[in-house]
Amino acid sequence: MSFPEGPLETDAQSSYDDSDAVDPAPTDGLIASVTRRLQAFSERWSRRYVEMRVDAQIGRRD
């Protein structure tokens, strides 16, 4: 037994409909505000952590 290679021929239409799109993440309200602040904190902290690590490595070499 072997499997056919190449794209499958399907004439069936997908059950997913793009026209019914709903904004999954509202841009206002308490949850969105907290989410934005947590994201900003995470980005700042990750950058600062890298800076501290680099400073520590450079400080050891002097």
PDB file of N, CA and C in Angstrom:
ATOM      1  N   MET A   1       0.832  -1.179   0.000  1.00  0.00           N
ATOM      2  CA  MET A   1       0.000   0.000   0.000  1.00  0.00           C
ATOM      3  C   MET A   1       0.875   1.241   0.000  1.00  0.00           C
ATOM      4  N   SER A   2       0.481   2.212  -0.770  1.00  0.00           N
ATOM      5  CA  SER A   2       1.212   3.468  -0.795  1.00  0.00           C
ATOM      6  C   SER A   2       0.222   4.622  -0.722  1.00  0.00           C
ATOM      7  N   PHE A   3       0.727   5.721  -0.269  1.00  0.00           N
ATOM      8  CA  PHE A   3      -0.102   6.916  -0.167  1.00  0.00           C
ATOM      9  C   PHE A   3       0.154   7.795  -1.386  1.00  0.00           C
ATOM     10  N   PRO A   4      -0.869   8.425  -1.924  1.00  0.00           N
ATOM     11  CA  PRO A   4      -0.661   9.300  -3.075  1.00  0.00           C
ATOM     12  C   PRO A   4       0.119  10.537  -2.663  1.00  0.00           C
ATOM     13  N   GLU A   5       0.961  11.000  -3.527  1.00  0.00           N
ATOM     14  CA  GLU A   5       1.734  12.207  -3.247  1.00  0.00           C
ATOM     15  C   GLU A   5       1.081  13.384  -3.935  1.00  0.00           C
ATOM     16  N   GLY A   6       1.326  14.555  -3.414  1.00  0.00           N
ATOM     17  CA  GLY A   6       0.770  15.756  -4.011  1.00  0.00           C
ATOM     18  C   GLY A   6      -0.433  16.248  -3.233  1.00  0.00           C
ATOM     19  N   PRO A   7      -0.994  17.349  -3.692  1.00  0.00           N
ATOM     20  CA  PRO A   7      -2.135  17.928  -2.966  1.00  0.00           C
ATOM     21  C   PRO A   7      -3.378  17.062  -3.090  1.00  0.00           C
ATOM     22  N   LEU A   8      -4.146  17.053  -2.045  1.00  0.00           N
ATOM     23  CA  LEU A   8      -5.397  16.310  -2.065  1.00  0.00           C
ATOM     24  C   LEU A   8      -6.445  17.115  -2.826  1.00  0.00           C
ATOM     25  N   GLU A   9      -7.234  16.448  -3.576  1.00  0.00           N
ATOM     26  CA  GLU A   9      -8.283  17.125  -4.326  1.00  0.00           C
ATOM     27  C   GLU A   9      -9.539  17.143  -3.470  1.00  0.00           C
ATOM     28  N   THR A  10      -9.877  18.337  -2.996  1.00  0.00           N
ATOM     29  CA  THR A  10     -11.094  18.469  -2.211  1.00  0.00           C
ATOM     30  C   THR A  10     -11.893  19.628  -2.766  1.00  0.00           C
ATOM     31  N   ASP A  11     -13.133  19.381  -3.045  1.00  0.00           N
ATOM     32  CA  ASP A  11     -14.020  20.427  -3.520  1.00  0.00           C
ATOM     33  C   ASP A  11     -14.883  20.966  -2.388  1.00  0.00           C
ATOM     34  N   ALA A  12     -14.753  20.375  -1.218  1.00  0.00           N
ATOM     35  CA  ALA A  12     -15.560  20.812  -0.081  1.00  0.00           C
ATOM     36  C   ALA A  12     -15.052  22.160   0.411  1.00  0.00           C
ATOM     37  N   GLN A  13     -15.972  23.012   0.795  1.00  0.00           N
ATOM     38  CA  GLN A  13     -15.618  24.326   1.292  1.00  0.00           C
ATOM     39  C   GLN A  13     -15.316  24.233   2.780  1.00  0.00           C
ATOM     40  N   SER A  14     -14.372  25.005   3.226  1.00  0.00           N
ATOM     41  CA  SER A  14     -13.982  24.978   4.626  1.00  0.00           C
ATOM     42  C   SER A  14     -15.130  25.457   5.509  1.00  0.00           C
ATOM     43  N   SER A  15     -15.223  24.896   6.719  1.00  0.00           N
ATOM     44  CA  SER A  15     -16.279  25.306   7.640  1.00  0.00           C
ATOM     45  C   SER A  15     -15.930  26.624   8.326  1.00  0.00           C
ATOM     46  N   TYR A  16     -14.685  27.056   8.223  1.00  0.00           N
ATOM     47  CA  TYR A  16     -14.253  28.316   8.827  1.00  0.00           C
ATOM     48  C   TYR A  16     -14.624  29.463   7.907  1.00  0.00           C
ATOM     49  N   ASP A  17     -15.284  30.460   8.450  1.00  0.00           N
ATOM     50  CA  ASP A  17     -15.742  31.582   7.650  1.00  0.00           C
ATOM     51  C   ASP A  17     -15.076  32.857   8.157  1.00  0.00           C
ATOM     52  N   ASP A  18     -14.287  33.517   7.305  1.00  0.00           N
ATOM     53  CA  ASP A  18     -13.595  34.744   7.686  1.00  0.00           C
ATOM     54  C   ASP A  18     -14.544  35.914   7.910  1.00  0.00           C
ATOM     55  N   SER A  19     -15.721  35.882   7.322  1.00  0.00           N
ATOM     56  CA  SER A  19     -16.629  37.017   7.422  1.00  0.00           C
ATOM     57  C   SER A  19     -17.204  37.177   8.828  1.00  0.00           C
ATOM     58  N   ASP A  20     -17.134  36.147   9.642  1.00  0.00           N
ATOM     59  CA  ASP A  20     -17.663  36.217  10.997  1.00  0.00           C
ATOM     60  C   ASP A  20     -16.576  36.526  12.018  1.00  0.00           C
ATOM     61  N   ALA A  21     -15.525  37.207  11.595  1.00  0.00           N
ATOM     62  CA  ALA A  21     -14.403  37.490  12.486  1.00  0.00           C
ATOM     63  C   ALA A  21     -14.844  38.414  13.622  1.00  0.00           C
ATOM     64  N   VAL A  22     -14.373  38.080  14.819  1.00  0.00           N
ATOM     65  CA  VAL A  22     -14.673  38.863  16.004  1.00  0.00           C
ATOM     66  C   VAL A  22     -13.349  39.231  16.636  1.00  0.00           C
ATOM     67  N   ASP A  23     -13.246  40.443  17.128  1.00  0.00           N
ATOM     68  CA  ASP A  23     -12.019  40.879  17.785  1.00  0.00           C
ATOM     69  C   ASP A  23     -11.814  40.038  19.041  1.00  0.00           C
ATOM     70  N   PRO A  24     -10.802  39.153  19.073  1.00  0.00           N
ATOM     71  CA  PRO A  24     -10.614  38.272  20.220  1.00  0.00           C
ATOM     72  C   PRO A  24     -10.084  38.992  21.450  1.00  0.00           C
ATOM     73  N   ALA A  25      -9.474  40.161  21.270  1.00  0.00           N
ATOM     74  CA  ALA A  25      -8.913  40.885  22.402  1.00  0.00           C
ATOM     75  C   ALA A  25      -9.415  42.325  22.373  1.00  0.00           C
ATOM     76  N   PRO A  26     -10.374  42.665  23.208  1.00  0.00           N
ATOM     77  CA  PRO A  26     -10.865  44.039  23.228  1.00  0.00           C
ATOM     78  C   PRO A  26      -9.743  44.998  23.628  1.00  0.00           C
ATOM     79  N   THR A  27      -9.780  46.200  23.098  1.00  0.00           N
ATOM     80  CA  THR A  27      -8.701  47.155  23.335  1.00  0.00           C
ATOM     81  C   THR A  27      -9.021  48.137  24.444  1.00  0.00           C
ATOM     82  N   ASP A  28     -10.132  47.961  25.111  1.00  0.00           N
ATOM     83  CA  ASP A  28     -10.448  48.819  26.241  1.00  0.00           C
ATOM     84  C   ASP A  28     -10.941  47.965  27.394  1.00  0.00           C
ATOM     85  N   GLY A  29     -10.982  48.550  28.555  1.00  0.00           N
ATOM     86  CA  GLY A  29     -11.443  47.813  29.724  1.00  0.00           C
ATOM     87  C   GLY A  29     -10.297  47.431  30.644  1.00  0.00           C
ATOM     88  N   LEU A  30     -10.655  46.881  31.764  1.00  0.00           N
ATOM     89  CA  LEU A  30      -9.683  46.551  32.807  1.00  0.00           C
ATOM     90  C   LEU A  30      -8.694  45.479  32.368  1.00  0.00           C
ATOM     91  N   ILE A  31      -9.180  44.406  31.785  1.00  0.00           N
ATOM     92  CA  ILE A  31      -8.299  43.292  31.404  1.00  0.00           C
ATOM     93  C   ILE A  31      -7.305  43.732  30.337  1.00  0.00           C
ATOM     94  N   ALA A  32      -7.762  44.489  29.349  1.00  0.00           N
ATOM     95  CA  ALA A  32      -6.860  44.961  28.293  1.00  0.00           C
ATOM     96  C   ALA A  32      -5.808  45.902  28.864  1.00  0.00           C
ATOM     97  N   SER A  33      -6.209  46.759  29.788  1.00  0.00           N
ATOM     98  CA  SER A  33      -5.271  47.691  30.406  1.00  0.00           C
ATOM     99  C   SER A  33      -4.189  46.942  31.179  1.00  0.00           C
ATOM    100  N   VAL A  34      -4.591  45.977  31.965  1.00  0.00           N
ATOM    101  CA  VAL A  34      -3.633  45.188  32.749  1.00  0.00           C
ATOM    102  C   VAL A  34      -2.728  44.391  31.820  1.00  0.00           C
ATOM    103  N   THR A  35      -3.295  43.836  30.770  1.00  0.00           N
ATOM    104  CA  THR A  35      -2.507  43.051  29.816  1.00  0.00           C
ATOM    105  C   THR A  35      -1.437  43.916  29.149  1.00  0.00           C
ATOM    106  N   ARG A  36      -1.823  45.124  28.740  1.00  0.00           N
ATOM    107  CA  ARG A  36      -0.843  46.035  28.111  1.00  0.00           C
ATOM    108  C   ARG A  36       0.283  46.380  29.084  1.00  0.00           C
ATOM    109  N   ARG A  37      -0.072  46.645  30.333  1.00  0.00           N
ATOM    110  CA  ARG A  37       0.954  46.997  31.321  1.00  0.00           C
ATOM    111  C   ARG A  37       1.884  45.821  31.611  1.00  0.00           C
ATOM    112  N   LEU A  38       1.336  44.626  31.703  1.00  0.00           N
ATOM    113  CA  LEU A  38       2.174  43.449  31.921  1.00  0.00           C
ATOM    114  C   LEU A  38       3.105  43.200  30.742  1.00  0.00           C
ATOM    115  N   GLN A  39       2.595  43.409  29.539  1.00  0.00           N
ATOM    116  CA  GLN A  39       3.428  43.229  28.352  1.00  0.00           C
ATOM    117  C   GLN A  39       4.568  44.238  28.343  1.00  0.00           C
ATOM    118  N   ALA A  40       4.262  45.494  28.643  1.00  0.00           N
ATOM    119  CA  ALA A  40       5.300  46.529  28.673  1.00  0.00           C
ATOM    120  C   ALA A  40       6.334  46.216  29.750  1.00  0.00           C
ATOM    121  N   PHE A  41       5.889  45.786  30.929  1.00  0.00           N
ATOM    122  CA  PHE A  41       6.810  45.428  32.001  1.00  0.00           C
ATOM    123  C   PHE A  41       7.710  44.277  31.579  1.00  0.00           C
ATOM    124  N   SER A  42       7.129  43.282  30.944  1.00  0.00           N
ATOM    125  CA  SER A  42       7.894  42.119  30.510  1.00  0.00           C
ATOM    126  C   SER A  42       8.977  42.512  29.507  1.00  0.00           C
ATOM    127  N   GLU A  43       8.622  43.371  28.557  1.00  0.00           N
ATOM    128  CA  GLU A  43       9.604  43.804  27.562  1.00  0.00           C
ATOM    129  C   GLU A  43      10.717  44.622  28.197  1.00  0.00           C
ATOM    130  N   ARG A  44      10.343  45.552  29.099  1.00  0.00           N
ATOM    131  CA  ARG A  44      11.370  46.373  29.769  1.00  0.00           C
ATOM    132  C   ARG A  44      12.279  45.510  30.625  1.00  0.00           C
ATOM    133  N   TRP A  45      11.700  44.591  31.376  1.00  0.00           N
ATOM    134  CA  TRP A  45      12.499  43.770  32.272  1.00  0.00           C
ATOM    135  C   TRP A  45      13.440  42.860  31.495  1.00  0.00           C
ATOM    136  N   SER A  46      12.972  42.290  30.390  1.00  0.00           N
ATOM    137  CA  SER A  46      13.854  41.402  29.626  1.00  0.00           C
ATOM    138  C   SER A  46      15.036  42.176  29.053  1.00  0.00           C
ATOM    139  N   ARG A  47      14.787  43.394  28.569  1.00  0.00           N
ATOM    140  CA  ARG A  47      15.905  44.213  28.069  1.00  0.00           C
ATOM    141  C   ARG A  47      16.865  44.572  29.196  1.00  0.00           C
ATOM    142  N   ARG A  48      16.325  44.956  30.336  1.00  0.00           N
ATOM    143  CA  ARG A  48      17.159  45.342  31.468  1.00  0.00           C
ATOM    144  C   ARG A  48      17.970  44.154  31.975  1.00  0.00           C
ATOM    145  N   TYR A  49      17.368  42.981  31.971  1.00  0.00           N
ATOM    146  CA  TYR A  49      18.078  41.780  32.420  1.00  0.00           C
ATOM    147  C   TYR A  49      19.283  41.517  31.530  1.00  0.00           C
ATOM    148  N   VAL A  50      19.108  41.642  30.227  1.00  0.00           N
ATOM    149  CA  VAL A  50      20.219  41.435  29.302  1.00  0.00           C
ATOM    150  C   VAL A  50      21.300  42.476  29.561  1.00  0.00           C
ATOM    151  N   GLU A  51      20.901  43.735  29.766  1.00  0.00           N
ATOM    152  CA  GLU A  51      21.893  44.778  30.055  1.00  0.00           C
ATOM    153  C   GLU A  51      22.678  44.461  31.322  1.00  0.00           C
ATOM    154  N   MET A  52      21.992  43.991  32.358  1.00  0.00           N
ATOM    155  CA  MET A  52      22.676  43.656  33.614  1.00  0.00           C
ATOM    156  C   MET A  52      23.649  42.500  33.415  1.00  0.00           C
ATOM    157  N   ARG A  53      23.239  41.502  32.633  1.00  0.00           N
ATOM    158  CA  ARG A  53      24.120  40.358  32.373  1.00  0.00           C
ATOM    159  C   ARG A  53      25.360  40.797  31.605  1.00  0.00           C
ATOM    160  N   VAL A  54      25.174  41.652  30.603  1.00  0.00           N
ATOM    161  CA  VAL A  54      26.313  42.133  29.824  1.00  0.00           C
ATOM    162  C   VAL A  54      27.244  42.960  30.715  1.00  0.00           C
ATOM    163  N   ASP A  55      26.667  43.835  31.535  1.00  0.00           N
ATOM    164  CA  ASP A  55      27.483  44.632  32.452  1.00  0.00           C
ATOM    165  C   ASP A  55      28.258  43.743  33.413  1.00  0.00           C
ATOM    166  N   ALA A  56      27.644  42.699  33.894  1.00  0.00           N
ATOM    167  CA  ALA A  56      28.315  41.791  34.819  1.00  0.00           C
ATOM    168  C   ALA A  56      29.466  41.070  34.104  1.00  0.00           C
ATOM    169  N   GLN A  57      29.272  40.655  32.886  1.00  0.00           N
ATOM    170  CA  GLN A  57      30.331  39.962  32.149  1.00  0.00           C
ATOM    171  C   GLN A  57      31.483  40.904  31.829  1.00  0.00           C
ATOM    172  N   ILE A  58      31.181  42.122  31.449  1.00  0.00           N
ATOM    173  CA  ILE A  58      32.221  43.097  31.136  1.00  0.00           C
ATOM    174  C   ILE A  58      32.961  43.484  32.406  1.00  0.00           C
ATOM    175  N   GLY A  59      32.268  43.625  33.513  1.00  0.00           N
ATOM    176  CA  GLY A  59      32.884  43.982  34.788  1.00  0.00           C
ATOM    177  C   GLY A  59      33.869  42.926  35.264  1.00  0.00           C
ATOM    178  N   ARG A  60      33.622  41.678  34.989  1.00  0.00           N
ATOM    179  CA  ARG A  60      34.525  40.603  35.409  1.00  0.00           C
ATOM    180  C   ARG A  60      35.812  40.595  34.611  1.00  0.00           C
ATOM    181  N   ARG A  61      35.749  41.063  33.380  1.00  0.00           N
ATOM    182  CA  ARG A  61      36.929  41.032  32.510  1.00  0.00           C
ATOM    183  C   ARG A  61      37.921  42.143  32.810  1.00  0.00           C
ATOM    184  N   ASP A  62      37.473  43.211  33.456  1.00  0.00           N
ATOM    185  CA  ASP A  62      38.371  44.343  33.723  1.00  0.00           C
ATOM    186  C   ASP A  62      39.362  44.026  34.796  1.00  0.00           C
TER     187      ASP A  62
END
